[in-house]
Amino acid sequence: MKTIRIALDRLLEQKAMTRYELAKRTGIQYHIVDNYYKNKVVRYDSYILLRICTVLDCGIEELIEISDEGEK
């Protein structure tokens, strides 16, 4: 089964940034960033996705992936 996955773990590693630092730079509460990081979000907020992409200087296609369930 295909699923949508937020590749925040990979992007943060590439940018050498922590979830805490991302939360501070985006102005988004840490627990919300953590939920996106752990892919526990069911409904995605376009404002949050935009803030993350802006701070990480990436495109939405780099942040959101479609993957097979169980794939990391």
C-alpha atoms as a PDB file:
ATOM      1  CA  MET A   1       0.000   0.000   0.000  1.00  0.00           C
ATOM      2  CA  LYS A   2       1.265   3.459  -0.867  1.00  0.00           C
ATOM      3  CA  THR A   3       1.498   6.128   1.822  1.00  0.00           C
ATOM      4  CA  ILE A   4       2.517   9.766   2.049  1.00  0.00           C
ATOM      5  CA  ARG A   5       5.653  10.309   4.081  1.00  0.00           C
ATOM      6  CA  ILE A   6       7.256  13.534   5.286  1.00  0.00           C
ATOM      7  CA  ALA A   7      11.019  13.221   4.710  1.00  0.00           C
ATOM      8  CA  LEU A   8      11.876  15.644   7.488  1.00  0.00           C
ATOM      9  CA  ASP A   9      14.386  13.266   9.061  1.00  0.00           C
ATOM     10  CA  ARG A  10      16.444  13.135   5.860  1.00  0.00           C
ATOM     11  CA  LEU A  11      16.234  16.877   5.205  1.00  0.00           C
ATOM     12  CA  LEU A  12      17.208  17.829   8.751  1.00  0.00           C
ATOM     13  CA  GLU A  13      20.186  15.494   8.564  1.00  0.00           C
ATOM     14  CA  GLN A  14      21.280  17.047   5.250  1.00  0.00           C
ATOM     15  CA  LYS A  15      20.997  20.555   6.722  1.00  0.00           C
ATOM     16  CA  ALA A  16      22.621  19.515  10.037  1.00  0.00           C
ATOM     17  CA  MET A  17      19.639  20.938  11.909  1.00  0.00           C
ATOM     18  CA  THR A  18      17.712  19.636  14.915  1.00  0.00           C
ATOM     19  CA  ARG A  19      13.954  19.520  15.332  1.00  0.00           C
ATOM     20  CA  TYR A  20      14.292  22.087  18.104  1.00  0.00           C
ATOM     21  CA  GLU A  21      16.200  24.473  15.834  1.00  0.00           C
ATOM     22  CA  LEU A  22      13.621  23.997  13.068  1.00  0.00           C
ATOM     23  CA  ALA A  23      10.829  24.773  15.527  1.00  0.00           C
ATOM     24  CA  LYS A  24      12.585  27.975  16.631  1.00  0.00           C
ATOM     25  CA  ARG A  25      13.309  29.133  13.065  1.00  0.00           C
ATOM     26  CA  THR A  26       9.803  28.402  11.778  1.00  0.00           C
ATOM     27  CA  GLY A  27       7.941  29.644  14.842  1.00  0.00           C
ATOM     28  CA  ILE A  28       6.082  26.318  14.964  1.00  0.00           C
ATOM     29  CA  GLN A  29       5.695  24.594  18.316  1.00  0.00           C
ATOM     30  CA  TYR A  30       8.185  21.768  18.883  1.00  0.00           C
ATOM     31  CA  HIS A  31       5.532  19.070  19.374  1.00  0.00           C
ATOM     32  CA  ILE A  32       4.034  19.895  15.967  1.00  0.00           C
ATOM     33  CA  VAL A  33       7.445  19.682  14.265  1.00  0.00           C
ATOM     34  CA  ASP A  34       8.024  16.409  16.125  1.00  0.00           C
ATOM     35  CA  ASN A  35       4.732  14.977  14.829  1.00  0.00           C
ATOM     36  CA  TYR A  36       5.730  15.826  11.253  1.00  0.00           C
ATOM     37  CA  TYR A  37       9.191  14.347  11.871  1.00  0.00           C
ATOM     38  CA  LYS A  38       7.680  11.106  13.196  1.00  0.00           C
ATOM     39  CA  ASN A  39       5.034  11.031  10.423  1.00  0.00           C
ATOM     40  CA  LYS A  40       2.171  11.059  12.910  1.00  0.00           C
ATOM     41  CA  VAL A  41       0.255  13.743  11.005  1.00  0.00           C
ATOM     42  CA  VAL A  42      -2.921  12.741   9.161  1.00  0.00           C
ATOM     43  CA  ARG A  43      -3.964  16.162   7.833  1.00  0.00           C
ATOM     44  CA  TYR A  44      -1.178  18.360   6.563  1.00  0.00           C
ATOM     45  CA  ASP A  45      -1.278  22.103   7.186  1.00  0.00           C
ATOM     46  CA  SER A  46      -0.141  24.062   4.117  1.00  0.00           C
ATOM     47  CA  TYR A  47       1.151  26.920   6.314  1.00  0.00           C
ATOM     48  CA  ILE A  48       3.387  24.528   8.266  1.00  0.00           C
ATOM     49  CA  LEU A  49       4.646  22.834   5.109  1.00  0.00           C
ATOM     50  CA  LEU A  50       5.455  26.234   3.590  1.00  0.00           C
ATOM     51  CA  ARG A  51       7.327  27.394   6.728  1.00  0.00           C
ATOM     52  CA  ILE A  52       9.353  24.148   6.806  1.00  0.00           C
ATOM     53  CA  CYS A  53      10.232  24.392   3.098  1.00  0.00           C
ATOM     54  CA  THR A  54      11.179  28.060   3.473  1.00  0.00           C
ATOM     55  CA  VAL A  55      13.508  27.481   6.422  1.00  0.00           C
ATOM     56  CA  LEU A  56      15.052  24.332   4.910  1.00  0.00           C
ATOM     57  CA  ASP A  57      15.315  26.011   1.488  1.00  0.00           C
ATOM     58  CA  CYS A  58      13.743  23.038  -0.262  1.00  0.00           C
ATOM     59  CA  GLY A  59      10.815  22.333  -2.544  1.00  0.00           C
ATOM     60  CA  ILE A  60       7.648  20.591  -1.435  1.00  0.00           C
ATOM     61  CA  GLU A  61       8.611  17.629  -3.637  1.00  0.00           C
ATOM     62  CA  GLU A  62      11.711  17.140  -1.467  1.00  0.00           C
ATOM     63  CA  LEU A  63       9.670  17.210   1.733  1.00  0.00           C
ATOM     64  CA  ILE A  64       6.745  14.985   0.757  1.00  0.00           C
ATOM     65  CA  GLU A  65       7.289  11.497  -0.642  1.00  0.00           C
ATOM     66  CA  ILE A  66       4.966   8.728  -1.713  1.00  0.00           C
ATOM     67  CA  SER A  67       6.362   5.439  -0.504  1.00  0.00           C
ATOM     68  CA  ASP A  68       5.402   1.833   0.041  1.00  0.00           C
ATOM     69  CA  GLU A  69       4.163   1.157   3.578  1.00  0.00           C
ATOM     70  CA  GLY A  70       6.979  -0.018   5.802  1.00  0.00           C
ATOM     71  CA  GLU A  71       9.643   1.656   3.648  1.00  0.00           C
ATOM     72  CA  LYS A  72      11.878   4.246   5.300  1.00  0.00           C
END
